[in-house]
């Protein structure tokens, strides 16, 4: 995909949703951090079902430390890998209190030092909470970037590097959410909805149906 088509690609996604938001439910930066950690290999809807009661009853790192690993596990057992995630959430809650005064740090290295927090999770938090133009590459973004020719790469790191290089500055802040939502609802893994895709004519996917002018 050439630079002009990339710009048009994002211009159309922006026109359809000028201020895209995460579909995870949260009210504080800390709750977002926990929700993103829980969302690994899980759907946002599934995470929201579990975190609704969890955050309502235990909304802070202090409350989750008091609840403990076993109590957290009871609340999130409908989420895949819940035992490991409960252990990580309990530990990161404690470290948030001990190292950061109960606040989510605005620093990639500090975020990635927390249990269960990798580069993708740190990117999401830095983008949503602190307004940094990061792009967290999940399975949806990886698929869209490769399928369309927007920013092909052999792994998520390569796709992230390419996106940061080719996405214009004015689109970089929201690119993460536009691409996730496009992959989740239109450019799906199975049965992509090319007929109603707003960027189908810009897409380089060789298997797509012919786009009508």
Protein backbone atom coordinates (compact mmCIF):
# COMPACT_ATOMS: atom_id res chain seq x y z
CA UNK A 1 0.00 0.00 0.00
CA UNK A 2 1.46 3.37 -0.99
CA UNK A 3 1.59 6.44 1.30
CA UNK A 4 -1.39 8.15 -0.32
CA UNK A 5 -3.56 5.07 0.11
CA UNK A 6 -2.44 4.65 3.72
CA UNK A 7 -3.45 8.23 4.44
CA UNK A 8 -6.82 7.70 2.77
CA UNK A 9 -7.24 4.42 4.68
CA UNK A 10 -7.01 6.20 8.03
CA UNK A 11 -8.94 9.24 6.86
CA UNK A 12 -11.93 7.01 6.14
CA UNK A 13 -11.66 5.13 9.43
CA UNK A 14 -11.41 8.47 11.23
CA UNK A 15 -14.47 9.81 9.43
CA UNK A 16 -16.48 6.82 10.60
CA UNK A 17 -15.33 7.04 14.23
CA UNK A 18 -13.47 10.27 15.06
CA UNK A 19 -12.87 9.44 18.74
CA UNK A 20 -12.59 5.65 19.07
CA UNK A 21 -12.60 4.17 22.57
CA UNK A 22 -11.54 0.93 24.17
CA UNK A 23 -14.35 -1.58 24.61
CA UNK A 24 -12.97 -2.58 28.00
CA UNK A 25 -14.99 -1.20 30.93
CA UNK A 26 -13.05 0.76 33.56
CA UNK A 27 -13.22 3.99 35.55
CA UNK A 28 -9.57 4.52 36.59
CA UNK A 29 -6.15 4.01 34.99
CA UNK A 30 -5.48 1.21 37.45
CA UNK A 31 -8.66 -0.60 36.43
CA UNK A 32 -7.71 -0.24 32.77
CA UNK A 33 -4.30 -1.76 33.49
CA UNK A 34 -5.90 -4.74 35.22
CA UNK A 35 -8.48 -5.17 32.46
CA UNK A 36 -5.81 -5.18 29.76
CA UNK A 37 -3.75 -7.75 31.66
CA UNK A 38 -6.87 -9.92 31.91
CA UNK A 39 -7.69 -9.46 28.22
CA UNK A 40 -4.75 -11.54 26.98
CA UNK A 41 -6.23 -14.48 25.03
CA UNK A 42 -9.73 -13.37 26.07
CA UNK A 43 -12.45 -11.21 24.59
CA UNK A 44 -13.24 -7.73 25.90
CA UNK A 45 -16.83 -8.81 26.52
CA UNK A 46 -15.67 -11.75 28.60
CA UNK A 47 -13.31 -9.55 30.60
CA UNK A 48 -16.03 -6.95 31.21
CA UNK A 49 -18.38 -9.60 32.58
CA UNK A 50 -15.75 -10.58 35.14
CA UNK A 51 -14.42 -7.14 36.01
CA UNK A 52 -17.85 -5.56 36.48
CA UNK A 53 -18.40 -7.18 39.90
CA UNK A 54 -14.66 -7.21 40.67
CA UNK A 55 -14.18 -3.47 40.19
CA UNK A 56 -17.49 -2.62 41.81
CA UNK A 57 -16.49 -4.38 45.03
CA UNK A 58 -12.69 -4.00 44.85
CA UNK A 59 -11.90 -0.89 42.78
CA UNK A 60 -8.39 0.00 43.98
CA UNK A 61 -4.98 -1.66 44.26
CA UNK A 62 -5.40 -1.61 48.05
CA UNK A 63 -8.70 -3.47 47.73
CA UNK A 64 -7.26 -6.09 45.39
CA UNK A 65 -4.25 -6.66 47.65
CA UNK A 66 -6.68 -7.19 50.52
CA UNK A 67 -8.81 -9.52 48.41
CA UNK A 68 -5.76 -11.65 47.62
CA UNK A 69 -4.89 -13.99 44.81
CA UNK A 70 -7.53 -16.59 45.67
CA UNK A 71 -10.27 -13.98 45.92
CA UNK A 72 -9.28 -12.43 42.61
CA UNK A 73 -9.29 -15.89 41.02
CA UNK A 74 -12.85 -16.46 42.22
CA UNK A 75 -13.97 -13.30 40.42
CA UNK A 76 -12.20 -14.00 37.11
CA UNK A 77 -12.51 -17.77 36.75
CA UNK A 78 -14.60 -17.36 33.58
CA UNK A 79 -11.51 -15.88 31.86
CA UNK A 80 -8.89 -18.10 30.29
CA UNK A 81 -5.67 -18.65 32.27
CA UNK A 82 -7.43 -17.12 35.28
CA UNK A 83 -5.12 -18.64 37.90
CA UNK A 84 -2.00 -17.14 36.36
CA UNK A 85 -3.79 -13.85 35.76
CA UNK A 86 -5.03 -13.71 39.35
CA UNK A 87 -1.46 -14.21 40.56
CA UNK A 88 -0.24 -11.40 38.30
CA UNK A 89 -3.04 -9.00 39.27
CA UNK A 90 -2.41 -9.56 42.98
CA UNK A 91 1.33 -9.01 42.52
CA UNK A 92 1.03 -5.95 40.27
CA UNK A 93 -1.46 -4.38 42.70
CA UNK A 94 1.05 -4.78 45.51
CA UNK A 95 3.90 -3.36 43.43
CA UNK A 96 1.78 -0.41 42.28
CA UNK A 97 1.39 0.47 45.97
CA UNK A 98 4.98 -0.23 46.98
CA UNK A 99 6.77 1.35 44.03
CA UNK A 100 4.36 3.96 42.63
CA UNK A 101 2.22 5.22 45.50
CA UNK A 102 -0.89 3.54 44.13
CA UNK A 103 -0.66 5.28 40.75
CA UNK A 104 -0.11 3.71 37.34
CA UNK A 105 3.37 4.78 36.20
CA UNK A 106 3.79 6.85 33.05
CA UNK A 107 6.90 4.98 32.05
CA UNK A 108 7.26 2.00 29.75
CA UNK A 109 10.08 0.39 31.69
CA UNK A 110 8.18 0.70 34.98
CA UNK A 111 5.01 -0.68 33.40
CA UNK A 112 6.77 -3.65 31.84
CA UNK A 113 8.40 -4.44 35.19
CA UNK A 114 4.94 -5.24 36.59
CA UNK A 115 3.80 -8.91 36.54
CA UNK A 116 1.70 -9.76 33.50
CA UNK A 117 2.55 -6.52 31.70
CA UNK A 118 4.33 -6.88 28.37
CA UNK A 119 4.93 -4.43 25.57
CA UNK A 120 1.40 -4.67 24.17
CA UNK A 121 -0.23 -3.98 27.54
CA UNK A 122 2.17 -1.11 28.22
CA UNK A 123 1.37 0.36 24.79
CA UNK A 124 -2.37 0.26 25.50
CA UNK A 125 -1.98 2.00 28.87
CA UNK A 126 0.42 4.62 27.52
CA UNK A 127 -1.96 5.32 24.64
CA UNK A 128 -5.27 5.46 26.49
CA UNK A 129 -4.22 6.86 29.85
CA UNK A 130 -1.35 9.13 28.90
CA UNK A 131 -2.20 10.00 25.29
CA UNK A 132 1.02 8.67 23.80
CA UNK A 133 0.87 7.74 20.09
CA UNK A 134 1.72 4.08 20.64
CA UNK A 135 0.28 1.22 18.61
CA UNK A 136 -0.33 -2.03 20.47
CA UNK A 137 -0.39 -4.85 17.93
CA UNK A 138 -2.85 -7.59 18.84
CA UNK A 139 -4.18 -10.39 16.65
CA UNK A 140 -6.70 -8.06 14.98
CA UNK A 141 -4.12 -5.42 14.07
CA UNK A 142 -1.62 -8.05 12.95
CA UNK A 143 -4.24 -9.53 10.62
CA UNK A 144 -5.43 -6.20 9.21
CA UNK A 145 -1.91 -4.89 8.68
CA UNK A 146 -0.85 -8.01 6.78
CA UNK A 147 -4.08 -8.78 4.94
CA UNK A 148 -4.60 -5.27 3.57
CA UNK A 149 -0.93 -4.56 2.88
CA UNK A 150 -1.05 -1.58 5.25
CA UNK A 151 2.04 -2.63 7.21
CA UNK A 152 2.99 -6.25 6.56
CA UNK A 153 5.37 -8.01 8.92
CA UNK A 154 6.28 -11.52 10.00
CA UNK A 155 5.59 -10.90 13.71
CA UNK A 156 3.90 -8.33 15.96
CA UNK A 157 7.15 -6.47 16.61
CA UNK A 158 7.78 -6.04 12.89
CA UNK A 159 4.21 -4.84 12.30
CA UNK A 160 4.45 -2.35 15.17
CA UNK A 161 7.70 -0.92 13.79
CA UNK A 162 6.22 -0.63 10.33
CA UNK A 163 3.02 1.04 11.56
CA UNK A 164 4.95 3.59 13.61
CA UNK A 165 6.98 4.35 10.50
CA UNK A 166 4.18 4.64 7.94
CA UNK A 167 1.17 6.01 9.87
CA UNK A 168 1.01 9.78 9.63
CA UNK A 169 1.37 11.72 12.86
CA UNK A 170 -2.20 13.02 12.81
CA UNK A 171 -3.56 9.46 12.81
CA UNK A 172 -1.11 7.78 15.18
CA UNK A 173 -2.92 8.47 18.46
CA UNK A 174 -6.10 6.64 17.42
CA UNK A 175 -4.61 4.17 14.90
CA UNK A 176 -4.55 1.42 17.53
CA UNK A 177 -8.29 1.56 18.14
CA UNK A 178 -9.31 2.13 14.53
CA UNK A 179 -7.41 -0.97 13.45
CA UNK A 180 -8.66 -3.14 16.33
CA UNK A 181 -12.28 -2.18 15.72
CA UNK A 182 -11.89 -2.64 11.97
CA UNK A 183 -10.43 -6.11 12.54
CA UNK A 184 -13.02 -7.03 15.13
CA UNK A 185 -16.14 -6.05 13.19
CA UNK A 186 -15.27 -5.80 9.49
CA UNK A 187 -11.93 -7.36 8.54
CA UNK A 188 -12.66 -10.44 10.64
CA UNK A 189 -10.48 -13.54 10.73
CA UNK A 190 -13.25 -15.63 9.22
CA UNK A 191 -15.68 -14.15 6.75
CA UNK A 192 -14.35 -10.60 6.41
CA UNK A 193 -17.19 -8.27 5.46
CA UNK A 194 -15.63 -6.78 2.34
CA UNK A 195 -19.02 -5.73 0.97
CA UNK A 196 -19.46 -3.07 3.65
CA UNK A 197 -15.80 -2.26 4.22
CA UNK A 198 -15.13 1.47 3.88
CA UNK A 199 -11.53 0.83 2.73
CA UNK A 200 -12.04 -2.20 0.49
CA UNK A 201 -10.85 -0.42 -2.66
CA UNK A 202 -7.55 0.43 -0.92
CA UNK A 203 -6.99 -3.09 0.35
CA UNK A 204 -4.37 -5.31 -1.27
CA UNK A 205 -5.82 -8.65 -0.15
CA UNK A 206 -5.63 -10.95 -3.13
CA UNK A 207 -8.59 -13.09 -2.02
CA UNK A 208 -11.11 -10.29 -1.50
CA UNK A 209 -14.23 -10.17 -3.66
CA UNK A 210 -14.17 -7.66 -6.45
CA UNK A 211 -14.99 -4.20 -5.15
CA UNK A 212 -17.76 -2.50 -7.06
CA UNK A 213 -16.99 1.08 -8.15
